[in-house]
Structures are given as C-alpha cells and as structure tokens.
PDB file of N, CA and C in Angstrom:
ATOM      1  N   UNK A   1      11.646  -1.057   5.827  1.00  0.00           N
ATOM      2  CA  UNK A   1      11.703  -1.836   4.690  1.00  0.00           C
ATOM      3  C   UNK A   1      13.463  -1.869   4.942  1.00  0.00           C
ATOM      4  N   UNK A   2      13.939  -2.931   4.258  1.00  0.00           N
ATOM      5  CA  UNK A   2      15.287  -3.242   4.696  1.00  0.00           C
ATOM      6  C   UNK A   2      16.281  -3.110   3.805  1.00  0.00           C
ATOM      7  N   UNK A   3      15.794  -3.031   2.298  1.00  0.00           N
ATOM      8  CA  UNK A   3      17.141  -2.925   1.461  1.00  0.00           C
ATOM      9  C   UNK A   3      16.642  -1.890   0.225  1.00  0.00           C
ATOM     10  N   UNK A   4      17.584  -1.529  -0.624  1.00  0.00           N
ATOM     11  CA  UNK A   4      17.204  -0.881  -1.641  1.00  0.00           C
ATOM     12  C   UNK A   4      16.158  -1.183  -2.612  1.00  0.00           C
ATOM     13  N   UNK A   5      16.207  -2.372  -2.965  1.00  0.00           N
ATOM     14  CA  UNK A   5      15.270  -3.101  -3.874  1.00  0.00           C
ATOM     15  C   UNK A   5      14.045  -3.233  -3.305  1.00  0.00           C
ATOM     16  N   UNK A   6      14.001  -3.383  -2.023  1.00  0.00           N
ATOM     17  CA  UNK A   6      12.269  -3.490  -1.279  1.00  0.00           C
ATOM     18  C   UNK A   6      11.807  -2.531  -1.043  1.00  0.00           C
ATOM     19  N   UNK A   7      12.223  -1.093  -1.589  1.00  0.00           N
ATOM     20  CA  UNK A   7      11.302  -0.120  -1.299  1.00  0.00           C
ATOM     21  C   UNK A   7      11.132   0.332  -2.689  1.00  0.00           C
ATOM     22  N   UNK A   8      12.051  -0.061  -3.903  1.00  0.00           N
ATOM     23  CA  UNK A   8      11.672   0.481  -5.212  1.00  0.00           C
ATOM     24  C   UNK A   8      10.734  -0.307  -6.122  1.00  0.00           C
ATOM     25  N   UNK A   9      10.588  -1.865  -5.185  1.00  0.00           N
ATOM     26  CA  UNK A   9       9.480  -2.428  -6.266  1.00  0.00           C
ATOM     27  C   UNK A   9       8.020  -1.948  -5.818  1.00  0.00           C
ATOM     28  N   UNK A  10       7.905  -1.656  -4.713  1.00  0.00           N
ATOM     29  CA  UNK A  10       6.468  -0.901  -4.283  1.00  0.00           C
ATOM     30  C   UNK A  10       6.226   0.141  -4.964  1.00  0.00           C
ATOM     31  N   UNK A  11       7.222   0.896  -5.104  1.00  0.00           N
ATOM     32  CA  UNK A  11       6.994   2.209  -6.055  1.00  0.00           C
ATOM     33  C   UNK A  11       6.494   1.960  -7.108  1.00  0.00           C
ATOM     34  N   UNK A  12       7.105   0.805  -7.574  1.00  0.00           N
ATOM     35  CA  UNK A  12       6.770   0.690  -9.131  1.00  0.00           C
ATOM     36  C   UNK A  12       5.137  -0.008  -9.235  1.00  0.00           C
ATOM     37  N   UNK A  13       5.024  -0.692  -8.267  1.00  0.00           N
ATOM     38  CA  UNK A  13       3.777  -1.239  -8.098  1.00  0.00           C
ATOM     39  C   UNK A  13       2.664  -0.124  -7.996  1.00  0.00           C
ATOM     40  N   UNK A  14       2.814   1.176  -7.193  1.00  0.00           N
ATOM     41  CA  UNK A  14       2.161   2.231  -7.261  1.00  0.00           C
ATOM     42  C   UNK A  14       1.334   2.399  -8.399  1.00  0.00           C
ATOM     43  N   UNK A  15       2.136   2.310  -9.612  1.00  0.00           N
ATOM     44  CA  UNK A  15       1.354   2.849 -10.968  1.00  0.00           C
ATOM     45  C   UNK A  15       0.530   1.739 -11.471  1.00  0.00           C
ATOM     46  N   UNK A  16       0.176   0.424 -10.656  1.00  0.00           N
ATOM     47  CA  UNK A  16      -0.537  -0.287 -10.797  1.00  0.00           C
ATOM     48  C   UNK A  16      -0.053  -1.680 -11.117  1.00  0.00           C
ATOM     49  N   UNK A  17      -0.705  -2.722 -11.526  1.00  0.00           N
ATOM     50  CA  UNK A  17      -0.005  -3.986 -11.583  1.00  0.00           C
ATOM     51  C   UNK A  17       0.744  -4.184 -12.468  1.00  0.00           C
ATOM     52  N   UNK A  18       1.624  -5.156 -12.433  1.00  0.00           N
ATOM     53  CA  UNK A  18       3.252  -5.423 -13.321  1.00  0.00           C
ATOM     54  C   UNK A  18       3.436  -7.014 -13.445  1.00  0.00           C
ATOM     55  N   UNK A  19       3.577  -7.391 -14.807  1.00  0.00           N
ATOM     56  CA  UNK A  19       4.130  -8.869 -14.584  1.00  0.00           C
ATOM     57  C   UNK A  19       5.466  -8.692 -14.175  1.00  0.00           C
ATOM     58  N   UNK A  20       6.350  -9.886 -14.237  1.00  0.00           N
ATOM     59  CA  UNK A  20       7.469 -10.021 -13.831  1.00  0.00           C
ATOM     60  C   UNK A  20       8.394  -9.201 -14.614  1.00  0.00           C
ATOM     61  N   UNK A  21       8.130  -9.561 -16.034  1.00  0.00           N
ATOM     62  CA  UNK A  21       9.102  -8.651 -17.096  1.00  0.00           C
ATOM     63  C   UNK A  21       8.431  -7.408 -16.995  1.00  0.00           C
ATOM     64  N   UNK A  22       7.804  -6.913 -16.771  1.00  0.00           N
ATOM     65  CA  UNK A  22       7.296  -5.668 -17.025  1.00  0.00           C
ATOM     66  C   UNK A  22       8.078  -4.914 -15.598  1.00  0.00           C
ATOM     67  N   UNK A  23       8.137  -5.354 -14.384  1.00  0.00           N
ATOM     68  CA  UNK A  23       9.437  -5.002 -13.152  1.00  0.00           C
ATOM     69  C   UNK A  23      10.282  -4.967 -13.916  1.00  0.00           C
ATOM     70  N   UNK A  24      10.961  -5.861 -14.371  1.00  0.00           N
ATOM     71  CA  UNK A  24      12.328  -5.951 -15.021  1.00  0.00           C
ATOM     72  C   UNK A  24      12.436  -4.819 -15.667  1.00  0.00           C
ATOM     73  N   UNK A  25      11.575  -4.590 -16.488  1.00  0.00           N
ATOM     74  CA  UNK A  25      11.575  -3.309 -17.817  1.00  0.00           C
ATOM     75  C   UNK A  25      11.757  -2.116 -16.644  1.00  0.00           C
ATOM     76  N   UNK A  26      11.261  -2.111 -15.679  1.00  0.00           N
ATOM     77  CA  UNK A  26      11.087  -0.635 -14.864  1.00  0.00           C
ATOM     78  C   UNK A  26      12.255  -0.742 -14.070  1.00  0.00           C
ATOM     79  N   UNK A  27      13.008  -1.650 -13.753  1.00  0.00           N
ATOM     80  CA  UNK A  27      14.070  -1.817 -12.492  1.00  0.00           C
ATOM     81  C   UNK A  27      15.324  -2.471 -13.547  1.00  0.00           C
ATOM     82  N   UNK A  28      15.597  -2.010 -14.350  1.00  0.00           N
ATOM     83  CA  UNK A  28      16.757  -2.740 -15.598  1.00  0.00           C
ATOM     84  C   UNK A  28      18.239  -3.201 -14.490  1.00  0.00           C
ATOM     85  N   UNK A  29      18.237  -2.279 -13.342  1.00  0.00           N
ATOM     86  CA  UNK A  29      19.712  -2.690 -12.932  1.00  0.00           C
ATOM     87  C   UNK A  29      19.336  -3.908 -11.838  1.00  0.00           C
ATOM     88  N   UNK A  30      18.429  -4.338 -11.549  1.00  0.00           N
ATOM     89  CA  UNK A  30      17.660  -5.548 -10.385  1.00  0.00           C
ATOM     90  C   UNK A  30      18.027  -6.893 -11.395  1.00  0.00           C
ATOM     91  N   UNK A  31      18.480  -7.881 -10.528  1.00  0.00           N
ATOM     92  CA  UNK A  31      18.902  -9.224 -11.446  1.00  0.00           C
ATOM     93  C   UNK A  31      17.449  -9.803 -11.069  1.00  0.00           C
ATOM     94  N   UNK A  32      17.045 -10.638 -11.697  1.00  0.00           N
ATOM     95  CA  UNK A  32      15.815 -11.538 -11.795  1.00  0.00           C
ATOM     96  C   UNK A  32      15.720 -12.345 -10.669  1.00  0.00           C
ATOM     97  N   UNK A  33      17.107 -12.864  -9.811  1.00  0.00           N
ATOM     98  CA  UNK A  33      17.458 -13.572  -8.766  1.00  0.00           C
ATOM     99  C   UNK A  33      16.763 -12.256  -7.774  1.00  0.00           C
ATOM    100  N   UNK A  34      17.482 -11.390  -7.596  1.00  0.00           N
ATOM    101  CA  UNK A  34      16.780 -10.260  -6.421  1.00  0.00           C
ATOM    102  C   UNK A  34      15.605  -9.695  -6.569  1.00  0.00           C
ATOM    103  N   UNK A  35      15.201  -9.607  -7.669  1.00  0.00           N
ATOM    104  CA  UNK A  35      13.560  -9.072  -7.960  1.00  0.00           C
ATOM    105  C   UNK A  35      12.887 -10.278  -7.496  1.00  0.00           C
ATOM    106  N   UNK A  36      12.987 -11.768  -7.653  1.00  0.00           N
ATOM    107  CA  UNK A  36      12.280 -12.718  -7.330  1.00  0.00           C
ATOM    108  C   UNK A  36      12.240 -13.041  -5.631  1.00  0.00           C
ATOM    109  N   UNK A  37      13.257 -12.246  -5.330  1.00  0.00           N
ATOM    110  CA  UNK A  37      13.414 -12.442  -3.804  1.00  0.00           C
ATOM    111  C   UNK A  37      12.831 -11.463  -2.963  1.00  0.00           C
ATOM    112  N   UNK A  38      13.345 -10.257  -3.655  1.00  0.00           N
ATOM    113  CA  UNK A  38      12.269  -9.016  -2.810  1.00  0.00           C
ATOM    114  C   UNK A  38      10.665  -9.240  -2.841  1.00  0.00           C
ATOM    115  N   UNK A  39      10.133  -9.598  -4.322  1.00  0.00           N
ATOM    116  CA  UNK A  39       8.680 -10.033  -4.521  1.00  0.00           C
ATOM    117  C   UNK A  39       8.034 -10.946  -3.470  1.00  0.00           C
ATOM    118  N   UNK A  40       8.994 -12.106  -2.954  1.00  0.00           N
ATOM    119  CA  UNK A  40       8.422 -12.866  -1.976  1.00  0.00           C
ATOM    120  C   UNK A  40       8.766 -12.461  -0.935  1.00  0.00           C
ATOM    121  N   UNK A  41       9.751 -11.636  -0.310  1.00  0.00           N
ATOM    122  CA  UNK A  41       9.789 -10.952   0.890  1.00  0.00           C
ATOM    123  C   UNK A  41       8.385 -10.039   0.957  1.00  0.00           C
ATOM    124  N   UNK A  42       8.279  -9.088  -0.010  1.00  0.00           N
ATOM    125  CA  UNK A  42       7.171  -8.285   0.108  1.00  0.00           C
ATOM    126  C   UNK A  42       5.542  -8.929   0.108  1.00  0.00           C
ATOM    127  N   UNK A  43       5.692 -10.538  -0.610  1.00  0.00           N
ATOM    128  CA  UNK A  43       4.137 -11.359  -0.365  1.00  0.00           C
ATOM    129  C   UNK A  43       4.064 -11.610   1.047  1.00  0.00           C
ATOM    130  N   UNK A  44       5.314 -12.099   1.854  1.00  0.00           N
ATOM    131  CA  UNK A  44       5.078 -12.488   3.346  1.00  0.00           C
ATOM    132  C   UNK A  44       4.136 -11.688   3.950  1.00  0.00           C
ATOM    133  N   UNK A  45       4.417 -10.557   4.368  1.00  0.00           N
ATOM    134  CA  UNK A  45       3.554  -9.501   5.035  1.00  0.00           C
ATOM    135  C   UNK A  45       1.956  -9.292   4.569  1.00  0.00           C
ATOM    136  N   UNK A  46       2.115  -9.716   3.435  1.00  0.00           N
ATOM    137  CA  UNK A  46       0.924  -9.358   2.523  1.00  0.00           C
ATOM    138  C   UNK A  46       0.552  -8.007   1.899  1.00  0.00           C
ATOM    139  N   UNK A  47       2.011  -7.516   1.438  1.00  0.00           N
ATOM    140  CA  UNK A  47       1.908  -5.661   0.829  1.00  0.00           C
ATOM    141  C   UNK A  47       1.914  -6.334  -0.673  1.00  0.00           C
ATOM    142  N   UNK A  48       2.436  -7.479  -1.236  1.00  0.00           N
ATOM    143  CA  UNK A  48       2.479  -7.625  -2.444  1.00  0.00           C
ATOM    144  C   UNK A  48       1.514  -8.789  -2.796  1.00  0.00           C
ATOM    145  N   UNK A  49       0.430  -8.775  -3.825  1.00  0.00           N
ATOM    146  CA  UNK A  49      -0.213  -9.996  -4.223  1.00  0.00           C
ATOM    147  C   UNK A  49       0.281 -10.384  -5.405  1.00  0.00           C
ATOM    148  N   UNK A  50       0.474 -11.800  -5.911  1.00  0.00           N
ATOM    149  CA  UNK A  50       0.728 -12.344  -7.077  1.00  0.00           C
ATOM    150  C   UNK A  50      -0.363 -13.178  -7.468  1.00  0.00           C
ATOM    151  N   UNK A  51      -0.663 -12.617  -8.670  1.00  0.00           N
ATOM    152  CA  UNK A  51      -2.171 -13.172  -9.454  1.00  0.00           C
ATOM    153  C   UNK A  51      -1.717 -13.930 -10.549  1.00  0.00           C
ATOM    154  N   UNK A  52      -1.892 -15.088 -10.338  1.00  0.00           N
ATOM    155  CA  UNK A  52      -1.649 -16.341 -11.656  1.00  0.00           C
ATOM    156  C   UNK A  52      -3.164 -16.033 -12.618  1.00  0.00           C
ATOM    157  N   UNK A  53      -2.495 -15.734 -13.926  1.00  0.00           N
ATOM    158  CA  UNK A  53      -3.610 -15.553 -14.959  1.00  0.00           C
ATOM    159  C   UNK A  53      -4.020 -16.859 -15.864  1.00  0.00           C
ATOM    160  N   UNK A  54      -5.035 -17.227 -16.104  1.00  0.00           N
ATOM    161  CA  UNK A  54      -5.740 -18.454 -17.165  1.00  0.00           C
ATOM    162  C   UNK A  54      -4.700 -17.775 -18.354  1.00  0.00           C
ATOM    163  N   UNK A  55      -4.350 -18.980 -19.143  1.00  0.00           N
ATOM    164  CA  UNK A  55      -4.227 -18.898 -20.324  1.00  0.00           C
ATOM    165  C   UNK A  55      -2.795 -19.602 -20.540  1.00  0.00           C
ATOM    166  N   UNK A  56      -2.428 -19.897 -21.944  1.00  0.00           N
ATOM    167  CA  UNK A  56      -1.525 -20.059 -22.354  1.00  0.00           C
ATOM    168  C   UNK A  56      -0.431 -19.701 -23.044  1.00  0.00           C
ATOM    169  N   UNK A  57       0.808 -19.190 -22.958  1.00  0.00           N
ATOM    170  CA  UNK A  57       1.550 -19.629 -21.787  1.00  0.00           C
ATOM    171  C   UNK A  57       0.963 -18.930 -20.536  1.00  0.00           C
ATOM    172  N   UNK A  58       1.313 -19.331 -19.419  1.00  0.00           N
ATOM    173  CA  UNK A  58       1.036 -18.858 -18.172  1.00  0.00           C
ATOM    174  C   UNK A  58       1.554 -17.670 -17.760  1.00  0.00           C
ATOM    175  N   UNK A  59       0.467 -16.761 -17.556  1.00  0.00           N
ATOM    176  CA  UNK A  59       0.903 -15.158 -17.380  1.00  0.00           C
ATOM    177  C   UNK A  59       0.616 -14.947 -15.747  1.00  0.00           C
ATOM    178  N   UNK A  60       1.183 -14.154 -15.199  1.00  0.00           N
ATOM    179  CA  UNK A  60       1.049 -13.695 -13.920  1.00  0.00           C
ATOM    180  C   UNK A  60       1.304 -12.301 -13.787  1.00  0.00           C
ATOM    181  N   UNK A  61       0.755 -11.856 -12.606  1.00  0.00           N
ATOM    182  CA  UNK A  61       1.037 -10.168 -12.377  1.00  0.00           C
ATOM    183  C   UNK A  61       1.287  -9.957 -10.893  1.00  0.00           C
ATOM    184  N   UNK A  62       1.787  -9.025 -10.662  1.00  0.00           N
ATOM    185  CA  UNK A  62       1.842  -8.635  -9.079  1.00  0.00           C
ATOM    186  C   UNK A  62       1.468  -6.989  -9.255  1.00  0.00           C
ATOM    187  N   UNK A  63       0.644  -7.123  -7.772  1.00  0.00           N
ATOM    188  CA  UNK A  63      -0.061  -5.671  -7.084  1.00  0.00           C
ATOM    189  C   UNK A  63       0.212  -5.385  -5.959  1.00  0.00           C
ATOM    190  N   UNK A  64       0.146  -4.253  -5.382  1.00  0.00           N
ATOM    191  CA  UNK A  64      -0.223  -3.654  -4.067  1.00  0.00           C
ATOM    192  C   UNK A  64      -1.219  -4.416  -3.534  1.00  0.00           C
ATOM    193  N   UNK A  65      -1.349  -4.651  -2.592  1.00  0.00           N
ATOM    194  CA  UNK A  65      -2.592  -5.028  -1.926  1.00  0.00           C
ATOM    195  C   UNK A  65      -3.167  -3.950  -1.305  1.00  0.00           C
ATOM    196  N   UNK A  66      -4.604  -3.715  -0.618  1.00  0.00           N
ATOM    197  CA  UNK A  66      -4.766  -2.817   0.171  1.00  0.00           C
ATOM    198  C   UNK A  66      -4.046  -2.433   1.263  1.00  0.00           C
ATOM    199  N   UNK A  67      -3.584  -3.603   2.047  1.00  0.00           N
ATOM    200  CA  UNK A  67      -2.740  -3.226   3.055  1.00  0.00           C
ATOM    201  C   UNK A  67      -1.475  -2.102   3.148  1.00  0.00           C
ATOM    202  N   UNK A  68      -1.203  -2.465   1.625  1.00  0.00           N
ATOM    203  CA  UNK A  68       0.389  -1.766   1.332  1.00  0.00           C
ATOM    204  C   UNK A  68      -0.134  -0.209   0.653  1.00  0.00           C
ATOM    205  N   UNK A  69      -1.439  -0.036   0.091  1.00  0.00           N
ATOM    206  CA  UNK A  69      -1.645   1.269   0.167  1.00  0.00           C
ATOM    207  C   UNK A  69      -2.123   1.937   0.783  1.00  0.00           C
ATOM    208  N   UNK A  70      -2.871   1.644   1.971  1.00  0.00           N
ATOM    209  CA  UNK A  70      -3.288   2.831   2.998  1.00  0.00           C
ATOM    210  C   UNK A  70      -2.177   2.887   4.169  1.00  0.00           C
ATOM    211  N   UNK A  71      -1.495   3.933   4.595  1.00  0.00           N
ATOM    212  CA  UNK A  71      -0.999   3.715   5.906  1.00  0.00           C
ATOM    213  C   UNK A  71      -1.854   3.746   7.053  1.00  0.00           C
ATOM    214  N   UNK A  72      -1.112   2.766   7.707  1.00  0.00           N
ATOM    215  CA  UNK A  72      -1.739   2.214   9.277  1.00  0.00           C
ATOM    216  C   UNK A  72      -1.025   3.361  10.218  1.00  0.00           C
ATOM    217  N   UNK A  73      -1.767   3.498  11.179  1.00  0.00           N
ATOM    218  CA  UNK A  73      -1.632   4.385  12.141  1.00  0.00           C
ATOM    219  C   UNK A  73      -0.117   4.488  12.831  1.00  0.00           C
ATOM    220  N   UNK A  74       0.099   2.967  13.586  1.00  0.00           N
ATOM    221  CA  UNK A  74       1.672   2.824  13.805  1.00  0.00           C
ATOM    222  C   UNK A  74       2.527   3.029  12.628  1.00  0.00           C
ATOM    223  N   UNK A  75       2.188   2.907  11.615  1.00  0.00           N
ATOM    224  CA  UNK A  75       3.441   3.161  10.864  1.00  0.00           C
ATOM    225  C   UNK A  75       3.888   4.354  10.535  1.00  0.00           C
ATOM    226  N   UNK A  76       2.825   5.329  10.388  1.00  0.00           N
ATOM    227  CA  UNK A  76       2.883   6.716  10.224  1.00  0.00           C
ATOM    228  C   UNK A  76       3.112   7.520  11.041  1.00  0.00           C
ATOM    229  N   UNK A  77       2.920   7.226  12.589  1.00  0.00           N
ATOM    230  CA  UNK A  77       3.020   8.201  13.475  1.00  0.00           C
ATOM    231  C   UNK A  77       3.894   7.942  14.384  1.00  0.00           C
ATOM    232  N   UNK A  78       4.937   6.679  14.277  1.00  0.00           N
ATOM    233  CA  UNK A  78       5.848   6.327  14.720  1.00  0.00           C
ATOM    234  C   UNK A  78       7.235   5.935  14.212  1.00  0.00           C
ATOM    235  N   UNK A  79       8.221   5.855  14.142  1.00  0.00           N
ATOM    236  CA  UNK A  79       9.210   4.996  13.388  1.00  0.00           C
ATOM    237  C   UNK A  79       9.215   3.492  14.080  1.00  0.00           C
ATOM    238  N   UNK A  80       9.255   3.484  15.345  1.00  0.00           N
ATOM    239  CA  UNK A  80       8.901   2.215  16.135  1.00  0.00           C
ATOM    240  C   UNK A  80       7.832   1.188  15.530  1.00  0.00           C
ATOM    241  N   UNK A  81       6.706   2.066  15.157  1.00  0.00           N
ATOM    242  CA  UNK A  81       5.888   1.256  14.711  1.00  0.00           C
ATOM    243  C   UNK A  81       6.034   0.704  13.192  1.00  0.00           C
ATOM    244  N   UNK A  82       7.066   0.798  12.337  1.00  0.00           N
ATOM    245  CA  UNK A  82       7.152   0.336  10.908  1.00  0.00           C
ATOM    246  C   UNK A  82       7.095  -1.038  11.038  1.00  0.00           C
ATOM    247  N   UNK A  83       7.099  -1.314   9.732  1.00  0.00           N
ATOM    248  CA  UNK A  83       6.956  -2.953   9.449  1.00  0.00           C
ATOM    249  C   UNK A  83       8.296  -3.636   9.311  1.00  0.00           C
ATOM    250  N   UNK A  84       8.731  -4.380   9.973  1.00  0.00           N
ATOM    251  CA  UNK A  84      10.265  -5.052   9.379  1.00  0.00           C
ATOM    252  C   UNK A  84       9.769  -6.246   8.623  1.00  0.00           C
ATOM    253  N   UNK A  85      10.857  -6.079   7.522  1.00  0.00           N
ATOM    254  CA  UNK A  85      10.973  -7.265   6.685  1.00  0.00           C
ATOM    255  C   UNK A  85      12.315  -7.970   6.722  1.00  0.00           C
ATOM    256  N   UNK A  86      12.581  -7.558   7.937  1.00  0.00           N
ATOM    257  CA  UNK A  86      14.146  -8.430   7.945  1.00  0.00           C
ATOM    258  C   UNK A  86      14.013  -8.768   9.652  1.00  0.00           C
ATOM    259  N   UNK A  87      14.761  -9.760   9.850  1.00  0.00           N
ATOM    260  CA  UNK A  87      14.590  -9.920  11.712  1.00  0.00           C
ATOM    261  C   UNK A  87      15.741  -8.992  12.013  1.00  0.00           C
ATOM    262  N   UNK A  88      15.450  -8.543  13.255  1.00  0.00           N
ATOM    263  CA  UNK A  88      15.960  -7.444  13.699  1.00  0.00           C
ATOM    264  C   UNK A  88      17.710  -7.837  14.392  1.00  0.00           C
ATOM    265  N   UNK A  89      18.572  -6.906  14.194  1.00  0.00           N
ATOM    266  CA  UNK A  89      20.123  -7.554  14.244  1.00  0.00           C
ATOM    267  C   UNK A  89      20.049  -7.629  15.914  1.00  0.00           C
ATOM    268  N   UNK A  90      20.634  -8.648  16.224  1.00  0.00           N
ATOM    269  CA  UNK A  90      21.094  -8.746  17.933  1.00  0.00           C
ATOM    270  C   UNK A  90      22.023  -7.590  18.187  1.00  0.00           C
ATOM    271  N   UNK A  91      21.743  -7.299  19.496  1.00  0.00           N
ATOM    272  CA  UNK A  91      22.675  -6.184  19.766  1.00  0.00           C
ATOM    273  C   UNK A  91      23.942  -6.553  20.061  1.00  0.00           C
ATOM    274  N   UNK A  92      25.141  -5.887  19.860  1.00  0.00           N
ATOM    275  CA  UNK A  92      26.234  -6.185  20.422  1.00  0.00           C
ATOM    276  C   UNK A  92      26.118  -5.756  21.938  1.00  0.00           C
ATOM    277  N   UNK A  93      26.945  -7.266  22.493  1.00  0.00           N
ATOM    278  CA  UNK A  93      26.965  -6.789  24.062  1.00  0.00           C
ATOM    279  C   UNK A  93      28.020  -5.535  24.466  1.00  0.00           C
ATOM    280  N   UNK A  94      27.479  -4.960  25.613  1.00  0.00           N
ATOM    281  CA  UNK A  94      28.517  -3.771  26.078  1.00  0.00           C
ATOM    282  C   UNK A  94      29.769  -3.986  26.403  1.00  0.00           C
ATOM    283  N   UNK A  95      30.625  -3.244  26.464  1.00  0.00           N
ATOM    284  CA  UNK A  95      31.983  -3.721  26.750  1.00  0.00           C
ATOM    285  C   UNK A  95      31.745  -3.647  28.479  1.00  0.00           C
ATOM    286  N   UNK A  96      32.873  -4.518  28.853  1.00  0.00           N
ATOM    287  CA  UNK A  96      32.680  -4.384  30.410  1.00  0.00           C
ATOM    288  C   UNK A  96      33.342  -2.881  30.803  1.00  0.00           C
ATOM    289  N   UNK A  97      32.589  -2.436  32.195  1.00  0.00           N
ATOM    290  CA  UNK A  97      33.158  -1.272  32.392  1.00  0.00           C
ATOM    291  C   UNK A  97      34.039  -1.340  33.552  1.00  0.00           C
ATOM    292  N   UNK A  98      35.071  -0.343  33.779  1.00  0.00           N
ATOM    293  CA  UNK A  98      36.041  -0.412  34.827  1.00  0.00           C
ATOM    294  C   UNK A  98      35.651   0.061  36.059  1.00  0.00           C
ATOM    295  N   UNK A  99      35.889  -1.012  37.089  1.00  0.00           N
ATOM    296  CA  UNK A  99      35.767   0.004  38.189  1.00  0.00           C
ATOM    297  C   UNK A  99      36.797   0.213  38.874  1.00  0.00           C
ATOM    298  N   UNK A 100      37.163   1.295  39.597  1.00  0.00           N
ATOM    299  CA  UNK A 100      38.214   2.080  40.233  1.00  0.00           C
ATOM    300  C   UNK A 100      38.102   1.880  41.682  1.00  0.00           C
TER     301      UNK A 100
END
C-alpha cells in the first residue's frame, strides 16, 4: 500500500461498514478530497466495496470485500507478492562506469 491514508482506511473498515461521514469522523485529519481518492484507489483492485442504499436522501456505505479480509498466499509469504496500488517508479539509470 502506497500511502499513509491508504492503509488507515481499511483499518477503520475492519470494524465494519461505514458511511463516508463515519469514516471522516474516525479519521478527522484526512480531507474529504483525499478520503475520496483513497476509497477509489481501494475500490479499483476490489479491496473496498461501495454500497449505495435505497432511500431519500441517498445513503451509501463502504465495506471491506472478502478479498481484503483474507490474506492471500503471495501477499503473506513474500514482500514481492504484495498488492501494488501505485504504478512502480521507474528506476534511475545507472551512472556510467569508468574504464581504466
């Protein structure tokens, strides 16, 4: 997981589903914009589900999916197998070597 907030959001969802406002209360130092971005990043690989509930006004809640609740074998056994939520950084080219 790539950022501080990306790891804290799932931690809060381990206690059960929460609305956006509920997550803002549990994470008061995160801005609404950053929370929205982090939730979207977590939705893309299927770690967090966004449920839209019927009623007026419209309500929704976020919850961890089954994929996020159970560790997968590659994730738990090797750091190389962990899920990447950001594109890997490009490696810097090696400096030229001197020949003598």
